[in-house]
Amino acid sequence: MVAVTALTALLAAGAGQGAGPVARVSAAVAAGQLTIGWSNDLLDASRDRQVARRDKPLATGELSAAAVRVALVVAAVAGVGLSLWCGLPCAAVHLVLVVGSGWAYNLRLKRTMASWVPYAVAFGSLPAVAALSLPVARLPAAWVLAAGALLGVGAHFVNALPDLADDAATGVRGLPQRLGRRGVTLLAPLVLLAGSAVAVLGPGLPAPAWAWLVLGSCAVLALVARRGRGRVPFLAAIAMAVLDALTVVLR
């Protein structure tokens, strides 16, 4: 939630928004992400208890399902209101493509080969959410949407890495789980590296020196992620995702 909200704030600021509009669209996205996170916790409570997830208050009993449902409804109402405050085009893209994708993932797609699709759609749509919240709404360039989609797919693989064993034990069979740890540690850096290349080359203008330096750094991190052991692949992929996001914003 924090990462997606921060990325939205950076994109909105990069699109020329003032502090007020940046805060408004960021709050809308944050509320939407809360509904995705809390609905996921409600739907997965039994799975989380089965594998003794200590980082899930609902699974440990520290929070009641009723309290989470109330919070979910409040966040949903706030998310719709804040999105509409940003304008109807912005609200439509945010609620349907970003929040809708998250809910589709939670309800069904996380257990299928298409588990990557909601991430591609949601992250690819975030630049549009930021751009459509401008006083004169506009769609971002295609390369920005493509870079966002690649970042989202890479984030899906990275996010799944620490939980592959728990997912296997509870019957979650999304694309990362089908690929296995070796497949994910190979594919995640490649997808993120492709996102880096789109961010550097996509604008069709001469890339500044720092952009090539970022691309080279991502190539090194991809190699580290491929050959590393333990948590090294996960941390290297996270670093690539951060560099990708910053490159999209700065370019």
Protein backbone atom coordinates (compact mmCIF):
# COMPACT_ATOMS: atom_id res chain seq x y z
CA MET A 1 0.00 0.00 0.00
CA VAL A 2 2.74 2.45 0.97
CA ALA A 3 4.79 1.70 -2.15
CA VAL A 4 1.84 2.13 -4.54
CA THR A 5 0.73 5.35 -2.84
CA ALA A 6 4.26 6.77 -2.89
CA LEU A 7 4.63 5.89 -6.58
CA THR A 8 1.34 7.66 -7.33
CA ALA A 9 2.48 10.75 -5.43
CA LEU A 10 5.74 10.81 -7.39
CA LEU A 11 3.91 10.41 -10.70
CA ALA A 12 1.43 13.16 -9.83
CA ALA A 13 4.19 15.52 -8.76
CA GLY A 14 6.14 14.69 -11.90
CA ALA A 15 3.07 15.49 -13.99
CA GLY A 16 3.05 19.02 -12.59
CA GLN A 17 0.47 18.73 -9.83
CA GLY A 18 0.55 21.06 -6.83
CA ALA A 19 0.68 19.86 -3.24
CA GLY A 20 -3.12 19.80 -2.82
CA PRO A 21 -3.95 17.70 -5.90
CA VAL A 22 -1.01 15.38 -5.18
CA ALA A 23 -2.34 14.79 -1.67
CA ARG A 24 -5.87 14.23 -3.00
CA VAL A 25 -5.00 11.62 -5.63
CA SER A 26 -2.55 9.94 -3.24
CA ALA A 27 -5.25 9.68 -0.57
CA ALA A 28 -7.66 8.17 -3.10
CA VAL A 29 -5.11 5.55 -4.10
CA ALA A 30 -4.23 4.83 -0.46
CA ALA A 31 -7.89 4.22 0.39
CA GLY A 32 -8.26 1.90 -2.58
CA GLN A 33 -5.15 -0.04 -1.59
CA LEU A 34 -6.49 -0.43 1.95
CA THR A 35 -9.62 -2.10 0.58
CA ILE A 36 -7.47 -4.48 -1.44
CA GLY A 37 -5.25 -5.34 1.52
CA TRP A 38 -8.07 -5.78 4.01
CA SER A 39 -10.23 -7.83 1.64
CA ASN A 40 -7.22 -10.06 1.02
CA ASP A 41 -6.76 -10.55 4.78
CA LEU A 42 -10.44 -11.44 5.18
CA LEU A 43 -10.43 -13.90 2.30
CA ASP A 44 -7.12 -15.49 3.34
CA ALA A 45 -7.64 -15.60 7.11
CA SER A 46 -8.00 -19.37 7.25
CA ARG A 47 -4.96 -19.88 5.01
CA ASP A 48 -2.91 -17.49 7.12
CA ARG A 49 -3.89 -19.38 10.29
CA GLN A 50 -3.00 -22.67 8.64
CA VAL A 51 0.59 -21.55 8.02
CA ALA A 52 0.82 -19.58 11.31
CA ARG A 53 1.35 -16.14 9.78
CA ARG A 54 2.36 -14.00 12.78
CA ASP A 55 2.31 -10.80 10.70
CA LYS A 56 -1.45 -11.02 10.08
CA PRO A 57 -3.46 -9.63 13.06
CA LEU A 58 -6.68 -11.14 11.72
CA ALA A 59 -5.12 -14.60 11.60
CA THR A 60 -3.59 -14.29 15.08
CA GLY A 61 -6.84 -13.06 16.63
CA GLU A 62 -5.54 -9.60 17.49
CA LEU A 63 -8.25 -8.15 15.21
CA SER A 64 -11.79 -9.39 14.70
CA ALA A 65 -13.28 -10.00 11.27
CA ALA A 66 -16.11 -7.59 12.13
CA ALA A 67 -13.64 -4.76 12.82
CA VAL A 68 -11.86 -5.38 9.53
CA ARG A 69 -15.17 -5.39 7.64
CA VAL A 70 -16.13 -2.02 9.15
CA ALA A 71 -12.71 -0.57 8.26
CA LEU A 72 -13.06 -2.00 4.75
CA VAL A 73 -16.41 -0.29 4.19
CA VAL A 74 -15.09 3.04 5.51
CA ALA A 75 -12.04 2.82 3.22
CA ALA A 76 -14.24 1.90 0.23
CA VAL A 77 -16.55 4.88 0.77
CA ALA A 78 -13.57 7.20 1.24
CA GLY A 79 -11.87 5.79 -1.85
CA VAL A 80 -14.88 6.37 -4.06
CA GLY A 81 -15.42 9.90 -2.74
CA LEU A 82 -11.77 10.89 -3.05
CA SER A 83 -11.52 9.40 -6.54
CA LEU A 84 -14.55 11.35 -7.73
CA TRP A 85 -13.02 14.49 -6.21
CA CYS A 86 -10.09 13.97 -8.61
CA GLY A 87 -12.48 14.00 -11.58
CA LEU A 88 -14.66 11.41 -13.30
CA PRO A 89 -11.99 10.16 -15.78
CA CYS A 90 -9.48 9.71 -12.97
CA ALA A 91 -12.08 7.98 -10.79
CA ALA A 92 -13.10 5.59 -13.57
CA VAL A 93 -9.53 4.47 -14.24
CA HIS A 94 -8.63 4.23 -10.56
CA LEU A 95 -11.73 2.39 -9.37
CA VAL A 96 -12.10 0.04 -12.35
CA LEU A 97 -8.54 -0.68 -13.47
CA VAL A 98 -6.50 -0.24 -10.29
CA VAL A 99 -8.84 -1.16 -7.42
CA GLY A 100 -10.88 -3.52 -9.59
CA SER A 101 -7.74 -5.39 -10.60
CA GLY A 102 -6.72 -5.79 -6.97
CA TRP A 103 -10.09 -7.22 -6.03
CA ALA A 104 -10.10 -9.54 -9.06
CA TYR A 105 -6.71 -10.83 -7.92
CA ASN A 106 -7.95 -11.45 -4.38
CA LEU A 107 -11.20 -13.11 -5.39
CA ARG A 108 -9.97 -15.41 -8.12
CA LEU A 109 -6.96 -14.63 -10.27
CA LYS A 110 -4.26 -15.16 -7.61
CA ARG A 111 -4.95 -18.90 -7.93
CA THR A 112 -4.62 -19.03 -11.71
CA MET A 113 -1.98 -18.70 -14.42
CA ALA A 114 -3.34 -15.19 -15.03
CA SER A 115 -2.23 -13.97 -11.58
CA TRP A 116 0.15 -11.51 -13.25
CA VAL A 117 -2.61 -9.75 -15.23
CA PRO A 118 -4.08 -7.65 -12.37
CA TYR A 119 -0.59 -6.39 -11.48
CA ALA A 120 0.12 -5.43 -15.09
CA VAL A 121 -3.20 -3.64 -15.46
CA ALA A 122 -3.09 -1.88 -12.08
CA PHE A 123 0.52 -0.65 -12.25
CA GLY A 124 0.18 0.19 -15.93
CA SER A 125 -2.86 2.32 -15.06
CA LEU A 126 -1.25 4.28 -12.20
CA PRO A 127 0.41 6.84 -14.52
CA ALA A 128 -3.01 7.40 -16.12
CA VAL A 129 -4.57 7.97 -12.68
CA ALA A 130 -1.96 10.65 -11.98
CA ALA A 131 -2.27 12.29 -15.41
CA LEU A 132 -6.07 12.23 -15.47
CA SER A 133 -6.19 14.03 -12.12
CA LEU A 134 -4.64 17.12 -13.75
CA PRO A 135 -6.87 20.18 -14.29
CA VAL A 136 -6.68 19.38 -18.01
CA ALA A 137 -6.94 15.58 -17.99
CA ARG A 138 -4.72 13.72 -20.43
CA LEU A 139 -3.41 10.22 -20.98
CA PRO A 140 0.31 9.57 -20.53
CA ALA A 141 2.52 8.29 -23.32
CA ALA A 142 2.29 4.60 -24.21
CA TRP A 143 5.85 3.93 -23.04
CA VAL A 144 4.95 5.15 -19.54
CA LEU A 145 2.01 2.72 -19.38
CA ALA A 146 4.21 -0.11 -20.67
CA ALA A 147 6.94 0.60 -18.12
CA GLY A 148 4.34 0.66 -15.35
CA ALA A 149 2.89 -2.67 -16.49
CA LEU A 150 6.33 -4.32 -16.53
CA LEU A 151 7.06 -2.90 -13.09
CA GLY A 152 3.78 -4.40 -11.88
CA VAL A 153 4.53 -7.88 -13.22
CA GLY A 154 8.01 -7.72 -11.69
CA ALA A 155 6.49 -6.61 -8.40
CA HIS A 156 4.13 -9.59 -8.50
CA PHE A 157 7.03 -12.02 -8.80
CA VAL A 158 9.06 -10.24 -6.13
CA ASN A 159 6.09 -10.10 -3.76
CA ALA A 160 5.46 -13.82 -4.17
CA LEU A 161 9.04 -14.93 -3.51
CA PRO A 162 9.00 -14.95 0.32
CA ASP A 163 5.66 -16.81 0.48
CA LEU A 164 6.13 -19.55 -2.12
CA ALA A 165 6.32 -22.32 0.48
CA ASP A 166 3.23 -21.10 2.36
CA ASP A 167 1.31 -20.73 -0.89
CA ALA A 168 2.21 -24.25 -1.95
CA ALA A 169 1.01 -25.57 1.42
CA THR A 170 -2.36 -23.84 1.09
CA GLY A 171 -3.12 -24.52 -2.57
CA VAL A 172 -2.40 -21.13 -4.16
CA ARG A 173 -1.33 -21.85 -7.73
CA GLY A 174 -0.67 -18.52 -9.39
CA LEU A 175 2.01 -18.07 -12.03
CA PRO A 176 4.91 -17.56 -9.55
CA GLN A 177 3.93 -20.70 -7.64
CA ARG A 178 3.81 -22.71 -10.87
CA LEU A 179 7.21 -21.39 -11.95
CA GLY A 180 8.81 -22.19 -8.59
CA ARG A 181 11.61 -20.33 -6.84
CA ARG A 182 14.15 -20.94 -9.60
CA GLY A 183 11.79 -19.71 -12.31
CA VAL A 184 10.74 -16.63 -10.33
CA THR A 185 14.29 -15.61 -9.46
CA LEU A 186 15.14 -15.84 -13.16
CA LEU A 187 12.05 -14.13 -14.56
CA ALA A 188 11.52 -11.32 -12.04
CA PRO A 189 14.85 -9.55 -12.75
CA LEU A 190 14.36 -9.95 -16.52
CA VAL A 191 10.91 -8.36 -16.40
CA LEU A 192 12.17 -5.51 -14.21
CA LEU A 193 15.16 -5.03 -16.51
CA ALA A 194 12.78 -4.80 -19.47
CA GLY A 195 10.90 -2.12 -17.53
CA SER A 196 14.17 -0.25 -17.02
CA ALA A 197 14.93 -0.41 -20.75
CA VAL A 198 11.47 0.95 -21.63
CA ALA A 199 11.86 3.77 -19.11
CA VAL A 200 15.27 4.75 -20.53
CA LEU A 201 14.56 4.30 -24.26
CA GLY A 202 10.80 4.77 -24.42
CA PRO A 203 10.64 8.57 -24.66
CA GLY A 204 12.42 8.44 -28.03
CA LEU A 205 14.78 11.21 -26.96
CA PRO A 206 18.50 11.04 -26.13
CA ALA A 207 18.80 9.51 -22.68
CA PRO A 208 20.86 11.45 -20.10
CA ALA A 209 23.94 9.85 -18.59
CA TRP A 210 22.19 9.08 -15.31
CA ALA A 211 19.54 7.03 -17.15
CA TRP A 212 22.17 4.83 -18.75
CA LEU A 213 23.81 4.48 -15.34
CA VAL A 214 20.48 3.30 -13.90
CA LEU A 215 20.04 0.80 -16.73
CA GLY A 216 23.56 -0.54 -16.14
CA SER A 217 22.90 -0.79 -12.40
CA CYS A 218 19.71 -2.73 -13.07
CA ALA A 219 21.61 -5.12 -15.34
CA VAL A 220 24.09 -5.77 -12.52
CA LEU A 221 21.25 -6.24 -10.03
CA ALA A 222 19.56 -8.68 -12.43
CA LEU A 223 22.73 -10.77 -12.46
CA VAL A 224 22.93 -10.61 -8.67
CA ALA A 225 19.29 -11.68 -8.39
CA ARG A 226 19.92 -14.58 -10.76
CA ARG A 227 23.00 -15.91 -8.98
CA GLY A 228 22.35 -14.85 -5.38
CA ARG A 229 21.22 -17.10 -2.55
CA GLY A 230 18.90 -16.68 0.41
CA ARG A 231 17.24 -13.26 0.48
CA VAL A 232 19.72 -11.75 -1.98
CA PRO A 233 17.52 -12.30 -5.10
CA PHE A 234 14.53 -10.75 -3.32
CA LEU A 235 16.49 -7.68 -2.17
CA ALA A 236 18.12 -7.22 -5.58
CA ALA A 237 14.74 -7.36 -7.31
CA ILE A 238 13.28 -4.85 -4.84
CA ALA A 239 16.18 -2.48 -5.61
CA MET A 240 15.47 -2.87 -9.34
CA ALA A 241 11.78 -2.09 -8.80
CA VAL A 242 12.66 1.12 -6.93
CA LEU A 243 15.09 2.20 -9.66
CA ASP A 244 12.47 1.45 -12.35
CA ALA A 245 9.86 3.56 -10.58
CA LEU A 246 12.24 6.49 -10.12
CA THR A 247 13.36 6.30 -13.76
CA VAL A 248 9.77 6.41 -15.02
CA VAL A 249 9.07 9.46 -12.88
CA LEU A 250 12.26 11.31 -13.82
CA ARG A 251 12.02 10.53 -17.54
